[in-house]
């Protein structure tokens, strides 16, 4: 009986190690929060996409392979192709903004993930308000 119990515990331990080692978390917290978005003239390529890449496009989330909630935030086209998600010029009607502000049924990012900073939330909101352009 002890041998079966030990074998079972080892199997659970090994499975947990495999599960957690599959997560690719090579970005540190300091790197995540070094992205500072200006109060106006927000650039999708310089400000928004880097935040999405670091905080949203991870395994199991909004990358091209997993498309959590049917959404990939890996390119401007993917981000803006659904006007319910990003409604250019109208951040209050954009599900993306409602989610990152915690005002939707599915606040993003979920618990246990790196949260967006206040600056990043305001920057993404400003980008949508300014028309959600694919600007350099």
Protein backbone atom coordinates (compact mmCIF):
# COMPACT_ATOMS: atom_id res chain seq x y z
CA UNK A 1 0.00 0.00 0.00
CA UNK A 2 2.84 2.40 0.84
CA UNK A 3 4.47 1.70 -2.53
CA UNK A 4 1.24 2.62 -4.38
CA UNK A 5 0.89 5.81 -2.31
CA UNK A 6 4.52 6.82 -2.97
CA UNK A 7 4.14 6.08 -6.69
CA UNK A 8 0.96 8.18 -6.81
CA UNK A 9 2.59 11.09 -5.00
CA UNK A 10 5.60 10.98 -7.31
CA UNK A 11 3.31 10.96 -10.35
CA UNK A 12 1.43 14.02 -9.06
CA UNK A 13 4.69 15.82 -8.26
CA UNK A 14 6.18 15.02 -11.66
CA UNK A 15 3.00 16.16 -13.44
CA UNK A 16 3.09 19.45 -11.55
CA UNK A 17 6.72 20.03 -12.51
CA UNK A 18 5.94 19.36 -16.17
CA UNK A 19 2.90 21.64 -16.06
CA UNK A 20 4.76 24.59 -14.57
CA UNK A 21 7.90 24.13 -16.65
CA UNK A 22 5.77 24.48 -19.78
CA UNK A 23 5.01 28.10 -18.94
CA UNK A 24 7.40 30.44 -20.69
CA UNK A 25 7.86 33.34 -18.31
CA UNK A 26 11.15 34.85 -19.40
CA UNK A 27 10.05 38.44 -18.82
CA UNK A 28 10.65 39.97 -15.42
CA UNK A 29 8.37 42.44 -13.64
CA UNK A 30 10.75 45.38 -14.12
CA UNK A 31 10.78 44.85 -17.88
CA UNK A 32 6.98 44.70 -17.94
CA UNK A 33 6.53 48.04 -16.26
CA UNK A 34 9.27 49.96 -18.08
CA UNK A 35 6.85 50.61 -20.92
CA UNK A 36 5.53 54.11 -20.31
CA UNK A 37 2.80 55.34 -22.63
CA UNK A 38 2.49 59.11 -23.24
CA UNK A 39 -0.72 61.03 -22.47
CA UNK A 40 -1.33 61.73 -26.19
CA UNK A 41 -0.11 60.71 -29.64
CA UNK A 42 0.01 57.08 -28.59
CA UNK A 43 1.78 54.82 -31.06
CA UNK A 44 0.39 51.35 -31.59
CA UNK A 45 3.76 49.93 -32.63
CA UNK A 46 5.91 51.68 -29.99
CA UNK A 47 3.54 51.60 -27.01
CA UNK A 48 0.49 49.35 -27.37
CA UNK A 49 1.83 46.25 -29.14
CA UNK A 50 4.81 45.92 -26.74
CA UNK A 51 2.41 45.94 -23.76
CA UNK A 52 0.20 43.33 -25.45
CA UNK A 53 3.28 41.24 -26.28
CA UNK A 54 4.55 41.28 -22.70
CA UNK A 55 1.29 40.99 -20.79
CA UNK A 56 -1.39 39.51 -23.06
CA UNK A 57 0.13 37.27 -25.74
CA UNK A 58 1.36 34.53 -23.41
CA UNK A 59 0.73 30.79 -23.65
CA UNK A 60 -2.93 30.07 -23.00
CA UNK A 61 -3.94 33.68 -23.51
CA UNK A 62 -4.38 36.07 -26.44
CA UNK A 63 -1.73 34.69 -28.81
CA UNK A 64 -2.39 33.37 -32.33
CA UNK A 65 -2.49 29.73 -31.22
CA UNK A 66 -4.77 29.98 -28.18
CA UNK A 67 -6.96 33.04 -28.89
CA UNK A 68 -8.54 33.08 -25.42
CA UNK A 69 -12.10 34.34 -25.74
CA UNK A 70 -11.64 34.26 -29.53
CA UNK A 71 -9.18 37.17 -29.39
CA UNK A 72 -5.55 37.40 -30.43
CA UNK A 73 -3.73 40.63 -29.56
CA UNK A 74 -0.72 39.82 -31.73
CA UNK A 75 -1.24 42.45 -34.43
CA UNK A 76 -3.22 45.59 -35.14
CA UNK A 77 -5.42 43.63 -37.57
CA UNK A 78 -6.24 40.98 -34.96
CA UNK A 79 -6.86 43.57 -32.25
CA UNK A 80 -9.15 45.84 -34.26
CA UNK A 81 -10.97 43.44 -36.60
CA UNK A 82 -13.88 43.07 -34.16
CA UNK A 83 -15.54 46.41 -33.42
CA UNK A 84 -17.02 45.06 -30.17
CA UNK A 85 -13.49 44.59 -28.84
CA UNK A 86 -12.03 47.91 -30.04
CA UNK A 87 -14.44 50.63 -31.12
CA UNK A 88 -12.11 53.32 -32.58
CA UNK A 89 -12.74 56.72 -31.03
CA UNK A 90 -15.07 55.31 -28.37
CA UNK A 91 -13.19 53.69 -25.50
CA UNK A 92 -16.31 53.48 -23.31
CA UNK A 93 -17.96 51.24 -25.93
CA UNK A 94 -14.87 49.05 -26.41
CA UNK A 95 -14.88 45.68 -24.65
CA UNK A 96 -11.07 45.81 -24.45
CA UNK A 97 -11.20 48.98 -22.35
CA UNK A 98 -14.05 47.69 -20.18
CA UNK A 99 -12.05 44.49 -19.55
CA UNK A 100 -8.74 46.15 -18.65
CA UNK A 101 -10.58 48.59 -16.36
CA UNK A 102 -12.29 45.67 -14.60
CA UNK A 103 -15.76 46.77 -15.74
CA UNK A 104 -16.74 43.65 -17.69
CA UNK A 105 -17.69 40.11 -16.72
CA UNK A 106 -14.18 39.06 -17.75
CA UNK A 107 -11.67 41.52 -16.27
CA UNK A 108 -8.24 41.30 -17.85
CA UNK A 109 -5.67 40.29 -17.12
CA UNK A 110 -7.05 37.52 -14.92
CA UNK A 111 -5.85 37.01 -11.36
CA UNK A 112 -2.36 35.54 -11.01
CA UNK A 113 -1.15 37.30 -14.17
CA UNK A 114 0.89 40.50 -14.36
CA UNK A 115 -1.61 43.37 -14.03
CA UNK A 116 -1.46 46.35 -16.31
CA UNK A 117 -0.15 49.51 -14.69
CA UNK A 118 -2.39 52.56 -14.40
CA UNK A 119 -0.28 54.22 -17.11
CA UNK A 120 -0.73 51.25 -19.44
CA UNK A 121 -4.51 51.19 -18.91
CA UNK A 122 -4.73 54.94 -19.57
CA UNK A 123 -2.41 54.62 -22.58
CA UNK A 124 -4.47 51.87 -24.20
CA UNK A 125 -7.62 53.90 -23.49
CA UNK A 126 -6.03 56.97 -25.12
CA UNK A 127 -4.98 54.88 -28.15
CA UNK A 128 -8.61 53.79 -28.64
CA UNK A 129 -9.87 57.37 -28.06
CA UNK A 130 -7.40 58.63 -30.69
CA UNK A 131 -8.87 56.24 -33.25
CA UNK A 132 -7.00 52.96 -32.57
CA UNK A 133 -4.66 53.70 -35.47
CA UNK A 134 -1.90 51.41 -36.71
CA UNK A 135 0.65 54.19 -36.38
CA UNK A 136 4.42 53.86 -36.03
